Amino acid sequence: MDVTSQLAPVSAVLILDAQSGKSVVTRYYHPLSKFASEKTKAEFETAVYGKLRRYAAAQGTSVVFTDRALAVFHVSNDVMVTVVGPSAESELLLGDVLDTIIETLSNVLESQLEISLIQENMNLVFVVLDEVIHHGRVLTDSPAVLAPHLAPAFSPSAATNIGDQVRGGPACSTAGINHAA
């Protein structure tokens, strides 16, 4: 299924510590008014984790409704990756986005997701999120398209400087990067 043509709205992507619920990486999209302050973002993350924590022990993907939103999340090792959308959105579409993010990050990082790996490669995580989602709109749902495009630039075994790649080096497209977010 090509979700690109559907332009599925995504409200937020949260990468949380699966044990504590502490935010590792977050990216908020529309409606921006709902997440206007750091306080409302922190409250939202706490509420989402409060709903999801009972499922954190189970590895895999689940769907829950929380705070008038739909949260599709996947727990792997010590990481909980969550894609949040409006409650009326299709969980299949949000699930495709979640799968794309997880699979692309795993392929490019050449490892399963872990908090330490995500923290060490924060630039890569934001580039992947920006290549998949732009202003809450899904750009692609194909890890097969993204991973080869990003892997040469961000492979842990690459000898290039990651800062040069994020700024638009020859092996990295910055077309989907939102530097203001």
N, C-alpha and C. Protein backbone atom coordinates (compact mmCIF):
# COMPACT_ATOMS: atom_id res chain seq x y z
N MET A 1 0.84 -1.18 0.00
CA MET A 1 0.00 0.00 0.00
C MET A 1 0.88 1.24 0.00
N ASP A 2 0.61 2.15 -0.87
CA ASP A 2 1.38 3.38 -0.96
C ASP A 2 0.68 4.47 -0.15
N VAL A 3 1.20 4.75 1.06
CA VAL A 3 0.56 5.76 1.89
C VAL A 3 0.95 7.16 1.47
N THR A 4 1.93 7.28 0.59
CA THR A 4 2.35 8.60 0.14
C THR A 4 1.18 9.36 -0.47
N SER A 5 0.37 8.67 -1.25
CA SER A 5 -0.77 9.34 -1.88
C SER A 5 -1.86 9.66 -0.87
N GLN A 6 -1.90 8.95 0.25
CA GLN A 6 -2.91 9.18 1.28
C GLN A 6 -2.56 10.40 2.14
N LEU A 7 -1.28 10.77 2.21
CA LEU A 7 -0.84 11.89 3.04
C LEU A 7 -1.38 11.79 4.46
N ALA A 8 -1.16 10.65 5.09
CA ALA A 8 -1.67 10.40 6.44
C ALA A 8 -1.09 11.38 7.44
N PRO A 9 -1.92 12.08 8.18
CA PRO A 9 -1.40 13.03 9.15
C PRO A 9 -0.80 12.32 10.37
N VAL A 10 0.34 12.81 10.77
CA VAL A 10 1.03 12.32 11.95
C VAL A 10 1.17 13.51 12.89
N SER A 11 0.76 13.35 14.13
CA SER A 11 0.85 14.44 15.10
C SER A 11 2.20 14.48 15.79
N ALA A 12 2.79 13.30 16.03
CA ALA A 12 4.07 13.26 16.73
C ALA A 12 4.73 11.91 16.55
N VAL A 13 6.05 11.91 16.68
CA VAL A 13 6.83 10.67 16.79
C VAL A 13 7.59 10.79 18.09
N LEU A 14 7.41 9.81 18.96
CA LEU A 14 8.06 9.81 20.26
C LEU A 14 8.94 8.58 20.37
N ILE A 15 10.19 8.77 20.69
CA ILE A 15 11.07 7.65 21.00
C ILE A 15 11.37 7.79 22.49
N LEU A 16 10.85 6.82 23.25
CA LEU A 16 10.92 6.89 24.71
C LEU A 16 11.72 5.73 25.27
N ASP A 17 12.26 5.93 26.46
CA ASP A 17 12.86 4.85 27.23
C ASP A 17 11.72 3.92 27.64
N ALA A 18 11.79 2.66 27.25
CA ALA A 18 10.70 1.72 27.51
C ALA A 18 10.53 1.43 29.00
N GLN A 19 11.55 1.64 29.80
CA GLN A 19 11.47 1.36 31.23
C GLN A 19 10.93 2.54 32.03
N SER A 20 11.38 3.75 31.70
CA SER A 20 11.04 4.92 32.51
C SER A 20 10.06 5.88 31.82
N GLY A 21 9.94 5.80 30.52
CA GLY A 21 9.09 6.73 29.78
C GLY A 21 9.77 8.04 29.45
N LYS A 22 11.03 8.17 29.85
CA LYS A 22 11.77 9.40 29.58
C LYS A 22 11.97 9.57 28.08
N SER A 23 11.82 10.81 27.62
CA SER A 23 11.96 11.13 26.22
C SER A 23 13.40 10.99 25.76
N VAL A 24 13.60 10.27 24.67
CA VAL A 24 14.92 10.15 24.04
C VAL A 24 14.97 11.06 22.82
N VAL A 25 13.98 10.95 21.94
CA VAL A 25 13.83 11.80 20.75
C VAL A 25 12.34 12.05 20.56
N THR A 26 11.98 13.28 20.30
CA THR A 26 10.58 13.59 19.97
C THR A 26 10.55 14.53 18.77
N ARG A 27 9.52 14.38 17.99
CA ARG A 27 9.30 15.28 16.86
C ARG A 27 7.78 15.51 16.81
N TYR A 28 7.38 16.75 16.96
CA TYR A 28 5.97 17.11 16.94
C TYR A 28 5.61 17.77 15.62
N TYR A 29 4.41 17.44 15.11
CA TYR A 29 3.90 18.01 13.88
C TYR A 29 2.60 18.71 14.22
N HIS A 30 1.71 18.81 13.27
CA HIS A 30 0.46 19.50 13.54
C HIS A 30 -0.47 18.62 14.35
N PRO A 31 -1.48 19.08 15.06
CA PRO A 31 -1.75 20.50 15.24
C PRO A 31 -0.78 21.10 16.26
N LEU A 32 -0.04 22.07 15.81
CA LEU A 32 1.00 22.66 16.65
C LEU A 32 0.42 23.32 17.90
N SER A 33 -0.79 23.83 17.82
CA SER A 33 -1.37 24.51 18.98
C SER A 33 -1.51 23.56 20.18
N LYS A 34 -1.73 22.29 19.91
CA LYS A 34 -1.88 21.32 20.99
C LYS A 34 -0.55 21.12 21.73
N PHE A 35 0.55 21.27 21.03
CA PHE A 35 1.87 21.04 21.61
C PHE A 35 2.69 22.33 21.58
N ALA A 36 2.07 23.44 21.93
CA ALA A 36 2.71 24.74 21.78
C ALA A 36 3.85 24.97 22.78
N SER A 37 3.77 24.39 23.96
CA SER A 37 4.80 24.65 24.96
C SER A 37 5.50 23.35 25.35
N GLU A 38 6.67 23.51 25.93
CA GLU A 38 7.41 22.34 26.41
C GLU A 38 6.63 21.63 27.51
N LYS A 39 5.88 22.39 28.30
CA LYS A 39 5.08 21.80 29.37
C LYS A 39 4.00 20.88 28.80
N THR A 40 3.28 21.35 27.75
CA THR A 40 2.23 20.51 27.17
C THR A 40 2.82 19.29 26.48
N LYS A 41 4.01 19.45 25.90
CA LYS A 41 4.67 18.29 25.30
C LYS A 41 5.04 17.27 26.36
N ALA A 42 5.61 17.72 27.46
CA ALA A 42 6.01 16.81 28.54
C ALA A 42 4.78 16.12 29.14
N GLU A 43 3.70 16.86 29.32
CA GLU A 43 2.47 16.28 29.84
C GLU A 43 1.92 15.23 28.89
N PHE A 44 1.96 15.53 27.59
CA PHE A 44 1.47 14.59 26.59
C PHE A 44 2.31 13.31 26.60
N GLU A 45 3.64 13.45 26.64
CA GLU A 45 4.53 12.29 26.66
C GLU A 45 4.28 11.44 27.90
N THR A 46 4.06 12.09 29.06
CA THR A 46 3.77 11.36 30.29
C THR A 46 2.45 10.61 30.17
N ALA A 47 1.44 11.26 29.60
CA ALA A 47 0.13 10.62 29.42
C ALA A 47 0.23 9.43 28.46
N VAL A 48 0.95 9.62 27.37
CA VAL A 48 1.11 8.52 26.39
C VAL A 48 1.83 7.36 27.05
N TYR A 49 2.94 7.63 27.72
CA TYR A 49 3.69 6.55 28.36
C TYR A 49 2.84 5.87 29.44
N GLY A 50 2.05 6.66 30.17
CA GLY A 50 1.18 6.08 31.19
C GLY A 50 0.23 5.04 30.61
N LYS A 51 -0.28 5.32 29.42
CA LYS A 51 -1.16 4.37 28.73
C LYS A 51 -0.39 3.17 28.18
N LEU A 52 0.84 3.44 27.70
CA LEU A 52 1.58 2.40 26.99
C LEU A 52 2.43 1.51 27.90
N ARG A 53 2.75 1.97 29.09
CA ARG A 53 3.74 1.26 29.91
C ARG A 53 3.34 -0.16 30.26
N ARG A 54 2.06 -0.43 30.37
CA ARG A 54 1.66 -1.81 30.69
C ARG A 54 1.97 -2.77 29.54
N TYR A 55 2.18 -2.20 28.34
CA TYR A 55 2.53 -3.03 27.19
C TYR A 55 4.03 -3.04 26.93
N ALA A 56 4.79 -2.24 27.67
CA ALA A 56 6.22 -2.08 27.41
C ALA A 56 7.00 -3.37 27.60
N ALA A 57 6.52 -4.26 28.45
CA ALA A 57 7.23 -5.52 28.68
C ALA A 57 7.13 -6.45 27.46
N ALA A 58 6.08 -6.28 26.68
CA ALA A 58 5.89 -7.11 25.50
C ALA A 58 6.65 -6.51 24.32
N GLN A 59 7.52 -7.30 23.73
CA GLN A 59 8.23 -6.84 22.54
C GLN A 59 7.27 -6.95 21.36
N GLY A 60 7.27 -5.95 20.50
CA GLY A 60 6.41 -5.99 19.34
C GLY A 60 5.63 -4.70 19.18
N THR A 61 4.60 -4.74 18.32
CA THR A 61 3.84 -3.55 17.96
C THR A 61 2.42 -3.65 18.52
N SER A 62 1.91 -2.53 19.04
CA SER A 62 0.56 -2.47 19.57
C SER A 62 -0.07 -1.13 19.22
N VAL A 63 -1.39 -1.04 19.41
CA VAL A 63 -2.14 0.18 19.12
C VAL A 63 -3.00 0.50 20.34
N VAL A 64 -3.00 1.78 20.76
CA VAL A 64 -3.89 2.23 21.83
C VAL A 64 -4.43 3.62 21.50
N PHE A 65 -5.59 3.93 22.08
CA PHE A 65 -6.13 5.29 22.00
C PHE A 65 -5.73 6.00 23.28
N THR A 66 -5.23 7.22 23.14
CA THR A 66 -4.81 7.99 24.30
C THR A 66 -5.00 9.47 24.03
N ASP A 67 -5.50 10.19 25.02
CA ASP A 67 -5.62 11.64 24.94
C ASP A 67 -6.23 12.09 23.61
N ARG A 68 -7.33 11.47 23.22
CA ARG A 68 -8.01 11.77 21.96
C ARG A 68 -7.11 11.59 20.74
N ALA A 69 -6.17 10.68 20.86
CA ALA A 69 -5.25 10.40 19.75
C ALA A 69 -5.05 8.89 19.65
N LEU A 70 -4.55 8.49 18.50
CA LEU A 70 -4.23 7.09 18.26
C LEU A 70 -2.72 6.95 18.32
N ALA A 71 -2.24 6.02 19.13
CA ALA A 71 -0.80 5.79 19.26
C ALA A 71 -0.49 4.37 18.82
N VAL A 72 0.37 4.27 17.82
CA VAL A 72 0.87 2.98 17.36
C VAL A 72 2.32 2.92 17.81
N PHE A 73 2.68 1.88 18.55
CA PHE A 73 4.02 1.84 19.10
C PHE A 73 4.64 0.46 19.00
N HIS A 74 5.95 0.46 19.06
CA HIS A 74 6.74 -0.76 18.98
C HIS A 74 7.80 -0.71 20.07
N VAL A 75 7.90 -1.80 20.82
CA VAL A 75 8.92 -1.90 21.87
C VAL A 75 9.99 -2.87 21.38
N SER A 76 11.23 -2.40 21.44
CA SER A 76 12.37 -3.21 21.05
C SER A 76 13.51 -2.90 22.01
N ASN A 77 13.99 -3.91 22.68
CA ASN A 77 15.05 -3.74 23.68
C ASN A 77 14.59 -2.73 24.73
N ASP A 78 15.30 -1.62 24.87
CA ASP A 78 14.95 -0.61 25.87
C ASP A 78 14.29 0.62 25.27
N VAL A 79 13.79 0.50 24.03
CA VAL A 79 13.24 1.63 23.29
C VAL A 79 11.77 1.39 22.94
N MET A 80 10.97 2.45 23.11
CA MET A 80 9.58 2.43 22.68
C MET A 80 9.43 3.53 21.62
N VAL A 81 9.20 3.11 20.37
CA VAL A 81 9.00 4.07 19.27
C VAL A 81 7.49 4.18 19.05
N THR A 82 6.99 5.42 19.10
CA THR A 82 5.55 5.66 19.03
C THR A 82 5.24 6.69 17.94
N VAL A 83 4.27 6.35 17.10
CA VAL A 83 3.75 7.29 16.10
C VAL A 83 2.34 7.64 16.54
N VAL A 84 2.08 8.94 16.70
CA VAL A 84 0.79 9.42 17.20
C VAL A 84 0.08 10.16 16.08
N GLY A 85 -1.21 9.87 15.93
CA GLY A 85 -2.03 10.56 14.95
C GLY A 85 -3.40 10.85 15.52
N PRO A 86 -4.22 11.56 14.76
CA PRO A 86 -5.59 11.83 15.21
C PRO A 86 -6.35 10.52 15.44
N SER A 87 -7.30 10.55 16.35
CA SER A 87 -8.03 9.32 16.68
C SER A 87 -8.79 8.74 15.49
N ALA A 88 -9.12 9.57 14.51
CA ALA A 88 -9.85 9.09 13.33
C ALA A 88 -8.92 8.50 12.26
N GLU A 89 -7.62 8.60 12.47
CA GLU A 89 -6.66 8.11 11.46
C GLU A 89 -6.63 6.59 11.48
N SER A 90 -6.24 6.00 10.39
CA SER A 90 -6.13 4.56 10.25
C SER A 90 -4.88 4.06 10.96
N GLU A 91 -5.07 3.07 11.83
CA GLU A 91 -3.90 2.49 12.50
C GLU A 91 -2.99 1.76 11.52
N LEU A 92 -3.54 1.31 10.41
CA LEU A 92 -2.70 0.65 9.40
C LEU A 92 -1.73 1.64 8.76
N LEU A 93 -2.21 2.83 8.46
CA LEU A 93 -1.35 3.85 7.88
C LEU A 93 -0.28 4.29 8.88
N LEU A 94 -0.67 4.55 10.11
CA LEU A 94 0.30 4.93 11.13
C LEU A 94 1.27 3.77 11.42
N GLY A 95 0.77 2.55 11.35
CA GLY A 95 1.63 1.38 11.52
C GLY A 95 2.67 1.27 10.42
N ASP A 96 2.27 1.61 9.19
CA ASP A 96 3.24 1.62 8.08
C ASP A 96 4.34 2.64 8.33
N VAL A 97 3.96 3.81 8.84
CA VAL A 97 4.96 4.85 9.15
C VAL A 97 5.90 4.34 10.23
N LEU A 98 5.34 3.76 11.28
CA LEU A 98 6.16 3.22 12.37
C LEU A 98 7.12 2.15 11.85
N ASP A 99 6.62 1.22 11.07
CA ASP A 99 7.48 0.17 10.50
C ASP A 99 8.58 0.75 9.64
N THR A 100 8.26 1.77 8.86
CA THR A 100 9.26 2.42 8.00
C THR A 100 10.36 3.05 8.84
N ILE A 101 9.98 3.76 9.89
CA ILE A 101 10.98 4.39 10.76
C ILE A 101 11.87 3.36 11.41
N ILE A 102 11.27 2.33 11.99
CA ILE A 102 12.05 1.31 12.71
C ILE A 102 12.96 0.56 11.75
N GLU A 103 12.42 0.12 10.63
CA GLU A 103 13.22 -0.67 9.69
C GLU A 103 14.35 0.16 9.08
N THR A 104 14.06 1.41 8.73
CA THR A 104 15.10 2.27 8.16
C THR A 104 16.21 2.52 9.17
N LEU A 105 15.85 2.87 10.39
CA LEU A 105 16.87 3.10 11.42
C LEU A 105 17.69 1.85 11.69
N SER A 106 17.03 0.71 11.78
CA SER A 106 17.75 -0.54 12.03
C SER A 106 18.71 -0.87 10.89
N ASN A 107 18.26 -0.66 9.65
CA ASN A 107 19.12 -0.94 8.49
C ASN A 107 20.30 0.01 8.42
N VAL A 108 20.05 1.28 8.61
CA VAL A 108 21.11 2.28 8.48
C VAL A 108 22.10 2.19 9.65
N LEU A 109 21.59 1.93 10.85
CA LEU A 109 22.46 1.81 12.02
C LEU A 109 23.14 0.44 12.09
N GLU A 110 22.69 -0.46 11.23
CA GLU A 110 23.23 -1.83 11.18
C GLU A 110 23.12 -2.52 12.53
N SER A 111 21.99 -2.29 13.23
CA SER A 111 21.78 -2.87 14.54
C SER A 111 20.33 -2.71 14.95
N GLN A 112 19.93 -3.46 15.98
CA GLN A 112 18.62 -3.25 16.57
C GLN A 112 18.64 -1.94 17.35
N LEU A 113 17.49 -1.33 17.50
CA LEU A 113 17.42 -0.05 18.19
C LEU A 113 17.66 -0.21 19.68
N GLU A 114 18.49 0.67 20.20
CA GLU A 114 18.77 0.77 21.63
C GLU A 114 18.96 2.24 21.96
N ILE A 115 18.67 2.62 23.19
CA ILE A 115 18.77 4.03 23.58
C ILE A 115 20.16 4.57 23.32
N SER A 116 21.19 3.84 23.72
CA SER A 116 22.56 4.35 23.55
C SER A 116 22.88 4.58 22.08
N LEU A 117 22.44 3.68 21.22
CA LEU A 117 22.70 3.82 19.78
C LEU A 117 21.94 5.02 19.21
N ILE A 118 20.72 5.23 19.66
CA ILE A 118 19.93 6.37 19.20
C ILE A 118 20.58 7.67 19.65
N GLN A 119 21.03 7.73 20.89
CA GLN A 119 21.66 8.94 21.40
C GLN A 119 22.97 9.25 20.68
N GLU A 120 23.72 8.23 20.33
CA GLU A 120 24.98 8.42 19.62
C GLU A 120 24.76 8.88 18.18
N ASN A 121 23.59 8.60 17.63
CA ASN A 121 23.30 8.90 16.22
C ASN A 121 22.07 9.79 16.09
N MET A 122 21.96 10.78 16.96
CA MET A 122 20.80 11.67 16.99
C MET A 122 20.56 12.35 15.64
N ASN A 123 21.61 12.81 14.98
CA ASN A 123 21.46 13.46 13.67
C ASN A 123 20.79 12.52 12.68
N LEU A 124 21.22 11.28 12.65
CA LEU A 124 20.64 10.30 11.75
C LEU A 124 19.16 10.08 12.06
N VAL A 125 18.83 9.97 13.32
CA VAL A 125 17.43 9.75 13.70
C VAL A 125 16.55 10.88 13.17
N PHE A 126 16.99 12.13 13.35
CA PHE A 126 16.20 13.26 12.86
C PHE A 126 16.14 13.29 11.33
N VAL A 127 17.20 12.92 10.66
CA VAL A 127 17.17 12.87 9.19
C VAL A 127 16.17 11.81 8.73
N VAL A 128 16.18 10.64 9.35
CA VAL A 128 15.23 9.59 8.97
C VAL A 128 13.80 10.07 9.20
N LEU A 129 13.53 10.66 10.37
CA LEU A 129 12.18 11.16 10.63
C LEU A 129 11.77 12.20 9.59
N ASP A 130 12.69 13.08 9.23
CA ASP A 130 12.38 14.12 8.25
C ASP A 130 12.23 13.56 6.84
N GLU A 131 12.90 12.47 6.52
CA GLU A 131 12.74 11.85 5.20
C GLU A 131 11.43 11.08 5.10
N VAL A 132 10.90 10.61 6.23
CA VAL A 132 9.65 9.85 6.24
C VAL A 132 8.45 10.78 6.39
N ILE A 133 8.57 11.81 7.24
CA ILE A 133 7.44 12.69 7.56
C ILE A 133 7.88 14.14 7.41
N HIS A 134 7.05 14.93 6.75
CA HIS A 134 7.32 16.36 6.60
C HIS A 134 6.06 17.13 7.00
N HIS A 135 6.15 17.91 8.05
CA HIS A 135 5.01 18.67 8.55
C HIS A 135 3.79 17.79 8.78
N GLY A 136 4.02 16.58 9.29
CA GLY A 136 2.93 15.67 9.58
C GLY A 136 2.42 14.87 8.41
N ARG A 137 2.97 15.09 7.24
CA ARG A 137 2.56 14.36 6.04
C ARG A 137 3.58 13.28 5.73
N VAL A 138 3.08 12.12 5.38
CA VAL A 138 3.95 10.98 5.08
C VAL A 138 4.52 11.15 3.68
N LEU A 139 5.85 11.13 3.60
CA LEU A 139 6.53 11.27 2.30
C LEU A 139 6.78 9.90 1.66
N THR A 140 7.08 8.91 2.47
CA THR A 140 7.33 7.57 1.93
C THR A 140 7.05 6.54 3.01
N ASP A 141 6.72 5.34 2.56
CA ASP A 141 6.55 4.22 3.48
C ASP A 141 7.43 3.06 3.05
N SER A 142 8.53 3.38 2.39
CA SER A 142 9.38 2.34 1.84
C SER A 142 10.81 2.40 2.40
N PRO A 143 11.10 1.55 3.39
CA PRO A 143 12.47 1.49 3.90
C PRO A 143 13.46 1.07 2.81
N ALA A 144 12.99 0.32 1.84
CA ALA A 144 13.85 -0.13 0.75
C ALA A 144 14.35 1.05 -0.07
N VAL A 145 13.56 2.12 -0.14
CA VAL A 145 13.97 3.32 -0.85
C VAL A 145 14.90 4.16 0.01
N LEU A 146 14.58 4.29 1.30
CA LEU A 146 15.33 5.17 2.19
C LEU A 146 16.69 4.62 2.62
N ALA A 147 16.74 3.37 3.01
CA ALA A 147 17.98 2.82 3.58
C ALA A 147 19.17 2.93 2.63
N PRO A 148 19.07 2.52 1.37
CA PRO A 148 20.22 2.66 0.49
C PRO A 148 20.60 4.12 0.25
N HIS A 149 19.61 4.98 0.28
CA HIS A 149 19.81 6.42 0.09
C HIS A 149 20.57 7.02 1.27
N LEU A 150 20.28 6.56 2.48
CA LEU A 150 20.89 7.11 3.68
C LEU A 150 22.10 6.33 4.17
N ALA A 151 22.15 5.05 3.93
CA ALA A 151 23.20 4.20 4.50
C ALA A 151 24.62 4.66 4.17
N PRO A 152 24.94 5.02 2.93
CA PRO A 152 26.32 5.43 2.67
C PRO A 152 26.73 6.66 3.48
N ALA A 153 25.79 7.52 3.74
CA ALA A 153 26.11 8.75 4.47
C ALA A 153 26.25 8.52 5.97
N PHE A 154 25.48 7.58 6.52
CA PHE A 154 25.41 7.46 7.96
C PHE A 154 25.83 6.11 8.52
N SER A 155 26.35 5.25 7.71
CA SER A 155 26.77 3.95 8.20
C SER A 155 27.82 4.13 9.30
N PRO A 156 27.67 3.40 10.41
CA PRO A 156 28.68 3.50 11.47
C PRO A 156 30.08 3.15 10.99
N SER A 157 30.16 2.37 9.92
CA SER A 157 31.47 1.98 9.39
C SER A 157 32.01 3.00 8.38
N ALA A 158 31.19 4.02 8.04
CA ALA A 158 31.63 5.03 7.07
C ALA A 158 32.71 5.91 7.69
N ALA A 159 33.64 6.34 6.87
CA ALA A 159 34.75 7.16 7.36
C ALA A 159 34.47 8.64 7.23
N THR A 160 33.25 9.01 6.83
CA THR A 160 32.94 10.42 6.63
C THR A 160 32.45 11.06 7.91
N ASN A 161 32.50 12.35 7.97
CA ASN A 161 32.06 13.11 9.12
C ASN A 161 30.55 13.31 9.02
N ILE A 162 29.81 12.85 10.03
CA ILE A 162 28.35 12.93 9.99
C ILE A 162 27.87 14.37 9.88
N GLY A 163 28.58 15.31 10.46
CA GLY A 163 28.19 16.71 10.37
C GLY A 163 28.20 17.20 8.94
N ASP A 164 29.18 16.79 8.15
CA ASP A 164 29.21 17.19 6.75
C ASP A 164 28.03 16.62 5.99
N GLN A 165 27.62 15.40 6.34
CA GLN A 165 26.52 14.77 5.64
C GLN A 165 25.20 15.47 5.96
N VAL A 166 24.99 15.84 7.21
CA VAL A 166 23.75 16.51 7.58
C VAL A 166 23.64 17.86 6.90
N ARG A 167 24.79 18.52 6.70
CA ARG A 167 24.78 19.82 6.04
C ARG A 167 24.62 19.70 4.54
N GLY A 168 24.53 18.50 4.01
CA GLY A 168 24.25 18.35 2.58
C GLY A 168 25.42 17.84 1.79
N GLY A 169 26.22 16.96 2.37
CA GLY A 169 27.32 16.34 1.64
C GLY A 169 26.80 15.56 0.46
N PRO A 170 27.67 15.12 -0.44
CA PRO A 170 27.24 14.49 -1.68
C PRO A 170 26.47 13.20 -1.50
N ALA A 171 26.64 12.49 -0.37
CA ALA A 171 25.97 11.21 -0.22
C ALA A 171 24.64 11.33 0.52
N CYS A 172 24.19 12.53 0.84
CA CYS A 172 22.99 12.69 1.65
C CYS A 172 22.06 13.74 1.05
N SER A 173 20.81 13.37 0.85
CA SER A 173 19.84 14.34 0.39
C SER A 173 19.28 15.09 1.59
N THR A 174 19.19 16.38 1.48
CA THR A 174 18.59 17.17 2.56
C THR A 174 17.23 17.70 2.14
N ALA A 175 16.65 17.12 1.12
CA ALA A 175 15.38 17.62 0.60
C ALA A 175 14.28 17.58 1.65
N GLY A 176 14.26 16.56 2.51
CA GLY A 176 13.19 16.44 3.49
C GLY A 176 13.55 16.97 4.86
N ILE A 177 14.71 17.58 5.01
CA ILE A 177 15.13 18.02 6.33
C ILE A 177 14.46 19.34 6.68
N ASN A 178 13.87 19.35 7.86
CA ASN A 178 13.22 20.56 8.37
C ASN A 178 14.11 21.08 9.49
N HIS A 179 14.98 22.02 9.18
CA HIS A 179 15.93 22.50 10.16
C HIS A 179 15.28 23.34 11.24
N ALA A 180 14.09 23.86 11.01
CA ALA A 180 13.44 24.73 11.98
C ALA A 180 12.75 23.96 13.08
N ALA A 181 12.46 22.69 12.86
CA ALA A 181 11.69 21.91 13.84
C ALA A 181 12.56 21.42 14.89
